[in-house]
Amino acid sequence: MKYARLLSAVVFAIGILTFTSQTSSAATAASKLKIVFQNSPDSPKETWTLNCRPNSGTLPGVAIACKKLASLKNPFAKASADQMCTEIYGGDQTAIITGTWLGKKVSRKFSRVNGCEIDTWESFYPVLPHVEGVTQ
């Protein structure tokens, strides 16, 4: 009986240590992102880099941008396909963010073609630039 309890305790401890090491390694993994912004289809593309842990890059306000991304729950997840969005056009601006976030490859396109996209864009400020015009 004592052996079974000891074995259970050891297995439990190993499980906790494995989970903790996976969680902490994801939390400390370096993040390297490339942000390509275009104000309109006719305008030149602007490209910035954003590296977190350690913070560096060409995006203005690197530390604040890294903190913002860290505060978002799963920032690069795709929106639900059945999400209802207002048909408000927010502008021609587009952005693409690619690279790695917390050790995982990411690639996400952003636009301002409807209310949901405008809301997502604004939730990424200051990673994506503030745009004057229609806001939610």
N, C-alpha and C. Protein backbone atom coordinates (compact mmCIF):
# COMPACT_ATOMS: atom_id res chain seq x y z
N MET A 1 0.83 -1.18 0.00
CA MET A 1 0.00 0.00 0.00
C MET A 1 0.88 1.26 0.00
N LYS A 2 1.92 1.27 0.84
CA LYS A 2 2.82 2.42 0.88
C LYS A 2 3.51 2.60 -0.46
N TYR A 3 3.88 1.48 -1.10
CA TYR A 3 4.55 1.53 -2.40
C TYR A 3 3.63 2.17 -3.44
N ALA A 4 2.35 1.83 -3.43
CA ALA A 4 1.40 2.38 -4.39
C ALA A 4 1.24 3.89 -4.19
N ARG A 5 1.18 4.33 -2.94
CA ARG A 5 1.08 5.77 -2.66
C ARG A 5 2.32 6.51 -3.10
N LEU A 6 3.47 5.91 -2.81
CA LEU A 6 4.74 6.52 -3.21
C LEU A 6 4.82 6.61 -4.72
N LEU A 7 4.44 5.55 -5.41
CA LEU A 7 4.48 5.54 -6.87
C LEU A 7 3.52 6.60 -7.43
N SER A 8 2.33 6.70 -6.85
CA SER A 8 1.37 7.71 -7.29
C SER A 8 1.93 9.12 -7.09
N ALA A 9 2.55 9.36 -5.95
CA ALA A 9 3.13 10.66 -5.66
C ALA A 9 4.24 11.00 -6.64
N VAL A 10 5.07 10.04 -6.97
CA VAL A 10 6.18 10.26 -7.91
C VAL A 10 5.63 10.56 -9.31
N VAL A 11 4.65 9.79 -9.76
CA VAL A 11 4.06 10.02 -11.07
C VAL A 11 3.41 11.40 -11.12
N PHE A 12 2.70 11.77 -10.06
CA PHE A 12 2.07 13.09 -9.98
C PHE A 12 3.11 14.20 -10.05
N ALA A 13 4.19 14.05 -9.30
CA ALA A 13 5.25 15.06 -9.27
C ALA A 13 5.90 15.20 -10.64
N ILE A 14 6.13 14.10 -11.31
CA ILE A 14 6.74 14.15 -12.65
C ILE A 14 5.79 14.87 -13.61
N GLY A 15 4.50 14.58 -13.50
CA GLY A 15 3.51 15.27 -14.34
C GLY A 15 3.51 16.76 -14.11
N ILE A 16 3.56 17.17 -12.85
CA ILE A 16 3.59 18.61 -12.52
C ILE A 16 4.86 19.25 -13.05
N LEU A 17 5.99 18.60 -12.88
CA LEU A 17 7.26 19.16 -13.37
C LEU A 17 7.26 19.27 -14.88
N THR A 18 6.72 18.28 -15.57
CA THR A 18 6.66 18.33 -17.04
C THR A 18 5.79 19.47 -17.50
N PHE A 19 4.59 19.61 -16.90
CA PHE A 19 3.69 20.69 -17.25
C PHE A 19 4.33 22.04 -16.96
N THR A 20 4.95 22.19 -15.81
CA THR A 20 5.58 23.44 -15.43
C THR A 20 6.71 23.80 -16.38
N SER A 21 7.52 22.83 -16.76
CA SER A 21 8.65 23.14 -17.65
C SER A 21 8.14 23.50 -19.03
N GLN A 22 7.06 22.87 -19.51
CA GLN A 22 6.51 23.23 -20.81
C GLN A 22 5.92 24.63 -20.76
N THR A 23 5.20 24.93 -19.69
CA THR A 23 4.59 26.25 -19.55
C THR A 23 5.65 27.33 -19.43
N SER A 24 6.67 27.10 -18.60
CA SER A 24 7.68 28.12 -18.42
C SER A 24 8.55 28.28 -19.65
N SER A 25 8.80 27.20 -20.40
CA SER A 25 9.60 27.35 -21.61
C SER A 25 8.83 28.12 -22.66
N ALA A 26 7.49 27.94 -22.74
CA ALA A 26 6.69 28.73 -23.68
C ALA A 26 6.68 30.19 -23.25
N ALA A 27 6.59 30.42 -21.95
CA ALA A 27 6.53 31.79 -21.44
C ALA A 27 7.85 32.53 -21.63
N THR A 28 8.96 31.81 -21.69
CA THR A 28 10.26 32.46 -21.84
C THR A 28 10.81 32.34 -23.26
N ALA A 29 10.08 31.67 -24.15
CA ALA A 29 10.56 31.50 -25.51
C ALA A 29 10.66 32.86 -26.21
N ALA A 30 11.69 33.01 -27.01
CA ALA A 30 11.86 34.25 -27.75
C ALA A 30 10.78 34.37 -28.81
N SER A 31 10.40 35.59 -29.10
CA SER A 31 9.41 35.86 -30.13
C SER A 31 10.02 36.82 -31.13
N LYS A 32 9.94 36.44 -32.41
CA LYS A 32 10.52 37.26 -33.47
C LYS A 32 9.46 37.44 -34.54
N LEU A 33 9.00 38.67 -34.71
CA LEU A 33 7.93 38.95 -35.64
C LEU A 33 8.35 39.96 -36.70
N LYS A 34 7.76 39.80 -37.87
CA LYS A 34 7.92 40.76 -38.96
C LYS A 34 6.53 41.32 -39.24
N ILE A 35 6.41 42.63 -39.26
CA ILE A 35 5.14 43.31 -39.48
C ILE A 35 5.25 44.10 -40.77
N VAL A 36 4.37 43.79 -41.72
CA VAL A 36 4.34 44.51 -43.00
C VAL A 36 3.01 45.25 -43.07
N PHE A 37 3.08 46.56 -43.11
CA PHE A 37 1.90 47.43 -43.12
C PHE A 37 1.80 48.14 -44.45
N GLN A 38 0.57 48.26 -44.96
CA GLN A 38 0.34 49.03 -46.17
C GLN A 38 -0.91 49.88 -45.95
N ASN A 39 -0.76 51.19 -46.15
CA ASN A 39 -1.85 52.13 -45.90
C ASN A 39 -2.95 52.01 -46.95
N SER A 40 -2.58 51.70 -48.19
CA SER A 40 -3.54 51.50 -49.28
C SER A 40 -2.85 50.63 -50.33
N PRO A 41 -3.62 50.07 -51.26
CA PRO A 41 -2.98 49.25 -52.30
C PRO A 41 -1.95 50.00 -53.13
N ASP A 42 -2.08 51.32 -53.23
CA ASP A 42 -1.14 52.12 -54.03
C ASP A 42 0.06 52.64 -53.23
N SER A 43 0.02 52.51 -51.92
CA SER A 43 1.09 53.07 -51.09
C SER A 43 2.21 52.05 -50.89
N PRO A 44 3.41 52.55 -50.59
CA PRO A 44 4.52 51.62 -50.34
C PRO A 44 4.29 50.84 -49.04
N LYS A 45 4.85 49.65 -48.99
CA LYS A 45 4.76 48.83 -47.77
C LYS A 45 5.81 49.31 -46.78
N GLU A 46 5.43 49.31 -45.51
CA GLU A 46 6.37 49.61 -44.43
C GLU A 46 6.60 48.31 -43.67
N THR A 47 7.85 48.03 -43.34
CA THR A 47 8.18 46.79 -42.65
C THR A 47 8.92 47.09 -41.37
N TRP A 48 8.48 46.43 -40.29
CA TRP A 48 9.13 46.56 -38.99
C TRP A 48 9.41 45.18 -38.43
N THR A 49 10.35 45.10 -37.51
CA THR A 49 10.60 43.87 -36.77
C THR A 49 10.24 44.11 -35.31
N LEU A 50 9.82 43.04 -34.66
CA LEU A 50 9.51 43.11 -33.23
C LEU A 50 9.99 41.82 -32.60
N ASN A 51 10.95 41.95 -31.70
CA ASN A 51 11.49 40.80 -30.98
C ASN A 51 11.19 40.99 -29.50
N CYS A 52 10.66 39.96 -28.89
CA CYS A 52 10.34 40.02 -27.46
C CYS A 52 11.12 38.93 -26.75
N ARG A 53 11.65 39.26 -25.58
CA ARG A 53 12.44 38.34 -24.74
C ARG A 53 13.73 37.93 -25.41
N PRO A 54 14.68 38.77 -25.58
CA PRO A 54 14.75 40.17 -25.15
C PRO A 54 14.08 41.10 -26.17
N ASN A 55 13.66 42.25 -25.69
CA ASN A 55 12.96 43.22 -26.53
C ASN A 55 13.93 43.97 -27.42
N SER A 56 13.61 43.98 -28.72
CA SER A 56 14.38 44.75 -29.69
C SER A 56 13.55 44.83 -30.97
N GLY A 57 14.07 45.55 -31.94
CA GLY A 57 13.40 45.63 -33.23
C GLY A 57 13.27 47.05 -33.72
N THR A 58 12.67 47.18 -34.91
CA THR A 58 12.53 48.48 -35.54
C THR A 58 11.15 49.11 -35.33
N LEU A 59 10.21 48.37 -34.77
CA LEU A 59 8.88 48.91 -34.49
C LEU A 59 9.01 49.94 -33.38
N PRO A 60 8.42 51.13 -33.55
CA PRO A 60 8.47 52.11 -32.47
C PRO A 60 7.75 51.58 -31.22
N GLY A 61 8.34 51.80 -30.06
CA GLY A 61 7.72 51.36 -28.81
C GLY A 61 7.77 49.86 -28.60
N VAL A 62 8.92 49.27 -28.80
CA VAL A 62 9.09 47.81 -28.73
C VAL A 62 8.59 47.24 -27.40
N ALA A 63 9.00 47.81 -26.29
CA ALA A 63 8.63 47.26 -24.98
C ALA A 63 7.12 47.28 -24.77
N ILE A 64 6.49 48.37 -25.17
CA ILE A 64 5.03 48.48 -25.01
C ILE A 64 4.33 47.49 -25.94
N ALA A 65 4.83 47.32 -27.15
CA ALA A 65 4.23 46.38 -28.10
C ALA A 65 4.35 44.95 -27.59
N CYS A 66 5.50 44.58 -27.05
CA CYS A 66 5.68 43.23 -26.50
C CYS A 66 4.73 43.01 -25.32
N LYS A 67 4.61 44.01 -24.47
CA LYS A 67 3.71 43.91 -23.32
C LYS A 67 2.26 43.75 -23.79
N LYS A 68 1.88 44.49 -24.83
CA LYS A 68 0.52 44.40 -25.36
C LYS A 68 0.23 43.00 -25.89
N LEU A 69 1.14 42.46 -26.71
CA LEU A 69 0.93 41.12 -27.25
C LEU A 69 0.85 40.08 -26.14
N ALA A 70 1.68 40.22 -25.13
CA ALA A 70 1.67 39.28 -24.01
C ALA A 70 0.34 39.34 -23.24
N SER A 71 -0.33 40.49 -23.28
CA SER A 71 -1.59 40.63 -22.56
C SER A 71 -2.78 40.04 -23.31
N LEU A 72 -2.60 39.77 -24.60
CA LEU A 72 -3.70 39.22 -25.41
C LEU A 72 -3.72 37.71 -25.30
N LYS A 73 -4.90 37.16 -25.12
CA LYS A 73 -5.04 35.70 -25.05
C LYS A 73 -5.01 35.16 -26.48
N ASN A 74 -4.01 34.36 -26.78
CA ASN A 74 -3.84 33.74 -28.10
C ASN A 74 -4.00 34.78 -29.22
N PRO A 75 -3.11 35.75 -29.29
CA PRO A 75 -3.29 36.88 -30.20
C PRO A 75 -3.34 36.53 -31.69
N PHE A 76 -2.77 35.41 -32.08
CA PHE A 76 -2.71 35.09 -33.51
C PHE A 76 -3.72 34.04 -33.94
N ALA A 77 -4.68 33.74 -33.07
CA ALA A 77 -5.73 32.78 -33.42
C ALA A 77 -6.66 33.41 -34.47
N LYS A 78 -7.13 32.59 -35.37
CA LYS A 78 -8.08 33.05 -36.38
C LYS A 78 -9.44 33.29 -35.74
N ALA A 79 -10.15 34.27 -36.24
CA ALA A 79 -11.50 34.54 -35.75
C ALA A 79 -12.43 33.42 -36.19
N SER A 80 -13.46 33.20 -35.44
CA SER A 80 -14.45 32.18 -35.77
C SER A 80 -15.12 32.51 -37.10
N ALA A 81 -15.28 31.50 -37.95
CA ALA A 81 -15.88 31.71 -39.27
C ALA A 81 -17.34 32.13 -39.18
N ASP A 82 -18.02 31.76 -38.11
CA ASP A 82 -19.43 32.11 -37.98
C ASP A 82 -19.67 33.36 -37.13
N GLN A 83 -18.62 34.12 -36.90
CA GLN A 83 -18.73 35.36 -36.13
C GLN A 83 -19.52 36.40 -36.94
N MET A 84 -20.49 37.02 -36.31
CA MET A 84 -21.27 38.06 -36.98
C MET A 84 -20.55 39.40 -36.84
N CYS A 85 -20.41 40.12 -37.95
CA CYS A 85 -19.68 41.37 -37.95
C CYS A 85 -20.51 42.46 -38.61
N THR A 86 -20.38 43.68 -38.11
CA THR A 86 -21.05 44.80 -38.75
C THR A 86 -20.39 45.07 -40.10
N GLU A 87 -21.15 45.57 -41.02
CA GLU A 87 -20.63 45.87 -42.35
C GLU A 87 -20.18 47.34 -42.41
N ILE A 88 -19.24 47.65 -41.55
CA ILE A 88 -18.63 48.98 -41.52
C ILE A 88 -17.25 48.86 -42.15
N TYR A 89 -16.97 49.71 -43.12
CA TYR A 89 -15.66 49.69 -43.77
C TYR A 89 -14.76 50.67 -43.08
N GLY A 90 -13.63 50.19 -42.58
CA GLY A 90 -12.73 51.03 -41.80
C GLY A 90 -11.56 51.61 -42.57
N GLY A 91 -11.35 51.20 -43.80
CA GLY A 91 -10.24 51.74 -44.58
C GLY A 91 -9.49 50.66 -45.33
N ASP A 92 -8.56 51.12 -46.17
CA ASP A 92 -7.77 50.23 -47.04
C ASP A 92 -6.56 49.60 -46.36
N GLN A 93 -6.30 49.95 -45.12
CA GLN A 93 -5.09 49.50 -44.46
C GLN A 93 -5.07 47.97 -44.32
N THR A 94 -3.89 47.41 -44.54
CA THR A 94 -3.67 45.98 -44.33
C THR A 94 -2.34 45.79 -43.61
N ALA A 95 -2.22 44.67 -42.95
CA ALA A 95 -0.95 44.31 -42.30
C ALA A 95 -0.85 42.80 -42.27
N ILE A 96 0.36 42.33 -42.33
CA ILE A 96 0.63 40.90 -42.19
C ILE A 96 1.72 40.75 -41.13
N ILE A 97 1.45 39.90 -40.15
CA ILE A 97 2.46 39.61 -39.12
C ILE A 97 2.85 38.15 -39.27
N THR A 98 4.14 37.91 -39.42
CA THR A 98 4.67 36.54 -39.54
C THR A 98 5.85 36.39 -38.59
N GLY A 99 6.21 35.16 -38.31
CA GLY A 99 7.37 34.88 -37.48
C GLY A 99 7.06 33.84 -36.42
N THR A 100 7.64 34.03 -35.24
CA THR A 100 7.37 33.12 -34.13
C THR A 100 6.89 33.93 -32.94
N TRP A 101 5.90 33.37 -32.26
CA TRP A 101 5.39 33.97 -31.03
C TRP A 101 5.41 32.90 -29.96
N LEU A 102 6.18 33.12 -28.90
CA LEU A 102 6.36 32.15 -27.82
C LEU A 102 6.76 30.78 -28.36
N GLY A 103 7.65 30.80 -29.34
CA GLY A 103 8.19 29.57 -29.89
C GLY A 103 7.33 28.90 -30.96
N LYS A 104 6.17 29.45 -31.28
CA LYS A 104 5.28 28.85 -32.29
C LYS A 104 5.23 29.74 -33.52
N LYS A 105 5.25 29.10 -34.70
CA LYS A 105 5.16 29.87 -35.95
C LYS A 105 3.77 30.51 -36.05
N VAL A 106 3.77 31.77 -36.47
CA VAL A 106 2.51 32.49 -36.66
C VAL A 106 2.51 33.20 -38.00
N SER A 107 1.31 33.38 -38.53
CA SER A 107 1.12 34.15 -39.75
C SER A 107 -0.33 34.61 -39.73
N ARG A 108 -0.52 35.90 -39.71
CA ARG A 108 -1.89 36.42 -39.65
C ARG A 108 -1.99 37.70 -40.47
N LYS A 109 -3.07 37.78 -41.23
CA LYS A 109 -3.35 38.96 -42.05
C LYS A 109 -4.40 39.80 -41.34
N PHE A 110 -4.22 41.11 -41.37
CA PHE A 110 -5.14 42.05 -40.74
C PHE A 110 -5.65 43.04 -41.78
N SER A 111 -6.90 43.44 -41.62
CA SER A 111 -7.46 44.47 -42.49
C SER A 111 -8.50 45.24 -41.68
N ARG A 112 -9.18 46.15 -42.35
CA ARG A 112 -10.21 46.95 -41.68
C ARG A 112 -11.50 46.92 -42.51
N VAL A 113 -11.82 45.74 -43.09
CA VAL A 113 -12.93 45.63 -44.03
C VAL A 113 -14.30 45.50 -43.37
N ASN A 114 -14.36 45.22 -42.07
CA ASN A 114 -15.65 45.14 -41.38
C ASN A 114 -15.44 45.40 -39.89
N GLY A 115 -16.53 45.41 -39.15
CA GLY A 115 -16.46 45.74 -37.73
C GLY A 115 -15.57 44.81 -36.94
N CYS A 116 -15.61 43.52 -37.24
CA CYS A 116 -14.76 42.57 -36.51
C CYS A 116 -13.28 42.82 -36.78
N GLU A 117 -12.95 43.06 -38.04
CA GLU A 117 -11.56 43.31 -38.41
C GLU A 117 -11.06 44.63 -37.81
N ILE A 118 -11.92 45.64 -37.78
CA ILE A 118 -11.54 46.91 -37.18
C ILE A 118 -11.24 46.71 -35.69
N ASP A 119 -12.12 45.96 -35.02
CA ASP A 119 -11.94 45.70 -33.59
C ASP A 119 -10.63 44.94 -33.32
N THR A 120 -10.36 43.94 -34.14
CA THR A 120 -9.11 43.18 -33.99
C THR A 120 -7.91 44.09 -34.22
N TRP A 121 -7.96 44.89 -35.26
CA TRP A 121 -6.87 45.82 -35.56
C TRP A 121 -6.58 46.71 -34.35
N GLU A 122 -7.65 47.30 -33.81
CA GLU A 122 -7.47 48.21 -32.68
C GLU A 122 -6.98 47.50 -31.43
N SER A 123 -7.32 46.22 -31.27
CA SER A 123 -6.84 45.48 -30.10
C SER A 123 -5.34 45.21 -30.19
N PHE A 124 -4.77 45.33 -31.39
CA PHE A 124 -3.34 45.10 -31.58
C PHE A 124 -2.50 46.38 -31.47
N TYR A 125 -3.16 47.53 -31.29
CA TYR A 125 -2.39 48.77 -31.12
C TYR A 125 -1.59 48.68 -29.83
N PRO A 126 -0.32 48.95 -29.81
CA PRO A 126 0.54 49.65 -30.75
C PRO A 126 1.36 48.74 -31.69
N VAL A 127 1.04 47.46 -31.74
CA VAL A 127 1.74 46.58 -32.68
C VAL A 127 1.37 46.98 -34.10
N LEU A 128 0.08 47.25 -34.32
CA LEU A 128 -0.37 47.80 -35.60
C LEU A 128 -0.63 49.29 -35.39
N PRO A 129 -0.37 50.10 -36.41
CA PRO A 129 -0.49 51.55 -36.23
C PRO A 129 -1.94 52.00 -36.00
N HIS A 130 -2.06 53.09 -35.27
CA HIS A 130 -3.37 53.71 -35.07
C HIS A 130 -3.80 54.31 -36.41
N VAL A 131 -5.07 54.07 -36.77
CA VAL A 131 -5.59 54.58 -38.03
C VAL A 131 -6.73 55.54 -37.73
N GLU A 132 -6.67 56.72 -38.30
CA GLU A 132 -7.76 57.69 -38.14
C GLU A 132 -8.94 57.24 -39.00
N GLY A 133 -10.13 57.49 -38.55
CA GLY A 133 -11.30 57.14 -39.34
C GLY A 133 -12.28 56.35 -38.51
N VAL A 134 -12.91 55.40 -39.14
CA VAL A 134 -13.96 54.61 -38.50
C VAL A 134 -13.36 53.76 -37.38
N THR A 135 -13.99 53.83 -36.22
CA THR A 135 -13.58 52.97 -35.10
C THR A 135 -14.81 52.38 -34.47
N GLN A 136 -14.66 51.31 -33.77
CA GLN A 136 -15.78 50.64 -33.10
C GLN A 136 -15.94 51.23 -31.72
